[in-house]
Amino acid sequence: MKLQQLRYIWEVAHHDMNVSATAQSLFTSQPGISKQIRMLEDELGVEIFARNGKHLTRITPAGEAILKEAGEILHKAEGIKSIAQEFRNPSKGSLSIATTHTQARYALPPVIKAFIERYPDVSLHMH
């Protein structure tokens, strides 16, 4: 099982089972995606997508469970990339702050202003 295969099934599922549109969005070939999906299904021993001839028609029940896990794995992989990015360039990244309304309105504005001036490439999110 390869990360690229998980990316392909995830993208196909989110392009309404349209392999050609998926290939175009990923800048790759439709036959390559189809082959990788079939190889993954063969490795797992289950069909992820139901087919009508060569066309994918729907996601199978096994496919639903597999896609849920694939989404989590792909999300984790993006997290790993973010961690590496932050270690390569510590002045870039994102910061999330959870705070109360009172602190956000009265105490934090000068602190946030100074932070943004010092770290302009950090994306700040307040909750």
Protein backbone atom coordinates (compact mmCIF):
# COMPACT_ATOMS: atom_id res chain seq x y z
CA MET A 1 0.00 0.00 0.00
CA LYS A 2 1.37 3.36 -1.01
CA LEU A 3 0.45 6.83 0.13
CA GLN A 4 -0.08 7.80 -3.52
CA GLN A 5 -2.70 5.05 -3.89
CA LEU A 6 -4.56 6.40 -0.87
CA ARG A 7 -4.41 9.89 -2.37
CA TYR A 8 -5.84 8.55 -5.63
CA ILE A 9 -8.81 6.78 -4.04
CA TRP A 10 -9.49 9.83 -1.87
CA GLU A 11 -9.45 12.18 -4.84
CA VAL A 12 -11.52 9.87 -7.07
CA ALA A 13 -14.16 9.65 -4.34
CA HIS A 14 -14.21 13.44 -4.08
CA HIS A 15 -14.45 13.90 -7.85
CA ASP A 16 -17.73 11.92 -8.04
CA MET A 17 -15.90 8.75 -9.18
CA ASN A 18 -14.66 10.58 -12.28
CA VAL A 19 -11.17 9.21 -12.86
CA SER A 20 -10.49 11.52 -15.83
CA ALA A 21 -11.29 14.64 -13.79
CA THR A 22 -9.17 13.31 -10.94
CA ALA A 23 -6.25 12.67 -13.28
CA GLN A 24 -6.52 16.18 -14.66
CA SER A 25 -6.60 17.74 -11.18
CA LEU A 26 -3.57 15.69 -10.09
CA PHE A 27 -1.65 16.28 -13.34
CA THR A 28 -1.32 12.57 -14.05
CA SER A 29 -2.84 10.01 -16.39
CA GLN A 30 -6.21 8.33 -16.09
CA PRO A 31 -4.79 4.85 -16.84
CA GLY A 32 -2.17 5.35 -14.12
CA ILE A 33 -4.81 6.17 -11.52
CA SER A 34 -7.01 3.26 -12.61
CA LYS A 35 -4.06 0.86 -12.41
CA GLN A 36 -3.04 2.05 -8.93
CA ILE A 37 -6.63 1.75 -7.65
CA ARG A 38 -6.88 -1.79 -9.03
CA MET A 39 -3.49 -2.70 -7.50
CA LEU A 40 -4.63 -1.41 -4.10
CA GLU A 41 -7.90 -3.33 -4.33
CA ASP A 42 -5.99 -6.48 -5.29
CA GLU A 43 -3.61 -6.02 -2.37
CA LEU A 44 -6.46 -5.47 0.09
CA GLY A 45 -8.67 -8.19 -1.40
CA VAL A 46 -11.77 -5.95 -1.53
CA GLU A 47 -13.29 -3.56 -4.04
CA ILE A 48 -13.26 0.07 -2.97
CA PHE A 49 -15.41 1.18 -5.89
CA ALA A 50 -18.27 -0.67 -7.59
CA ARG A 51 -18.02 -0.69 -11.36
CA ASN A 52 -20.30 -0.84 -14.36
CA GLY A 53 -17.94 -1.94 -17.10
CA LYS A 54 -14.95 0.40 -16.90
CA HIS A 55 -16.86 3.15 -15.07
CA LEU A 56 -16.82 3.58 -11.31
CA THR A 57 -20.40 3.86 -10.11
CA ARG A 58 -20.30 4.08 -6.32
CA ILE A 59 -18.21 3.49 -3.22
CA THR A 60 -18.64 0.04 -1.69
CA PRO A 61 -19.25 -0.41 2.06
CA ALA A 62 -15.65 -1.61 2.42
CA GLY A 63 -14.60 1.41 0.38
CA GLU A 64 -16.41 3.75 2.77
CA ALA A 65 -14.44 2.39 5.73
CA ILE A 66 -11.18 2.41 3.76
CA LEU A 67 -11.74 5.99 2.56
CA LYS A 68 -12.37 7.15 6.13
CA GLU A 69 -9.01 5.71 7.21
CA ALA A 70 -7.29 7.00 4.06
CA GLY A 71 -8.55 10.52 4.83
CA GLU A 72 -7.10 10.32 8.32
CA ILE A 73 -3.77 9.02 7.00
CA LEU A 74 -3.56 11.76 4.38
CA HIS A 75 -4.38 14.37 7.04
CA LYS A 76 -1.62 12.96 9.26
CA ALA A 77 0.82 13.04 6.34
CA GLU A 78 0.04 16.74 5.82
CA GLY A 79 0.66 17.26 9.54
CA ILE A 80 4.07 15.65 9.19
CA LYS A 81 4.87 17.99 6.31
CA SER A 82 3.81 20.97 8.44
CA ILE A 83 6.02 19.87 11.30
CA ALA A 84 8.99 19.53 8.96
CA GLN A 85 8.25 22.97 7.48
CA GLU A 86 8.19 24.53 10.94
CA PHE A 87 11.56 22.96 11.81
CA ARG A 88 13.08 24.04 8.47
CA ASN A 89 11.86 27.59 8.93
CA PRO A 90 10.76 28.37 12.52
CA SER A 91 9.52 31.83 11.57
CA LYS A 92 6.78 30.29 9.38
CA GLY A 93 3.81 28.15 10.35
CA SER A 94 0.57 28.56 12.21
CA LEU A 95 -0.49 29.30 15.76
CA SER A 96 -3.92 28.65 17.22
CA ILE A 97 -5.01 30.43 20.39
CA ALA A 98 -8.12 29.64 22.42
CA THR A 99 -9.16 32.53 24.60
CA THR A 100 -12.09 34.21 26.28
CA HIS A 101 -13.94 37.11 24.73
CA THR A 102 -12.65 39.52 27.40
CA GLN A 103 -9.01 38.60 26.85
CA ALA A 104 -9.42 38.70 23.08
CA ARG A 105 -10.95 42.16 23.27
CA TYR A 106 -8.82 43.84 25.93
CA ALA A 107 -5.59 41.98 26.77
CA LEU A 108 -4.52 40.35 23.54
CA PRO A 109 -4.63 43.09 20.85
CA PRO A 110 -1.24 44.64 21.71
CA VAL A 111 0.32 41.20 22.18
CA ILE A 112 -1.06 39.99 18.85
CA LYS A 113 0.10 43.14 17.09
CA ALA A 114 3.64 42.64 18.39
CA PHE A 115 3.55 38.95 17.47
CA ILE A 116 2.43 39.69 13.89
CA GLU A 117 5.15 42.32 13.50
CA ARG A 118 7.79 39.89 14.76
CA TYR A 119 6.47 36.82 12.88
CA PRO A 120 4.68 38.04 9.74
CA ASP A 121 4.78 34.59 8.08
CA VAL A 122 2.94 32.83 10.91
CA SER A 123 -0.77 32.31 10.38
CA LEU A 124 -2.61 33.19 13.61
CA HIS A 125 -6.01 31.64 14.41
CA MET A 126 -8.05 32.67 17.42
CA HIS A 127 -10.86 30.57 18.86
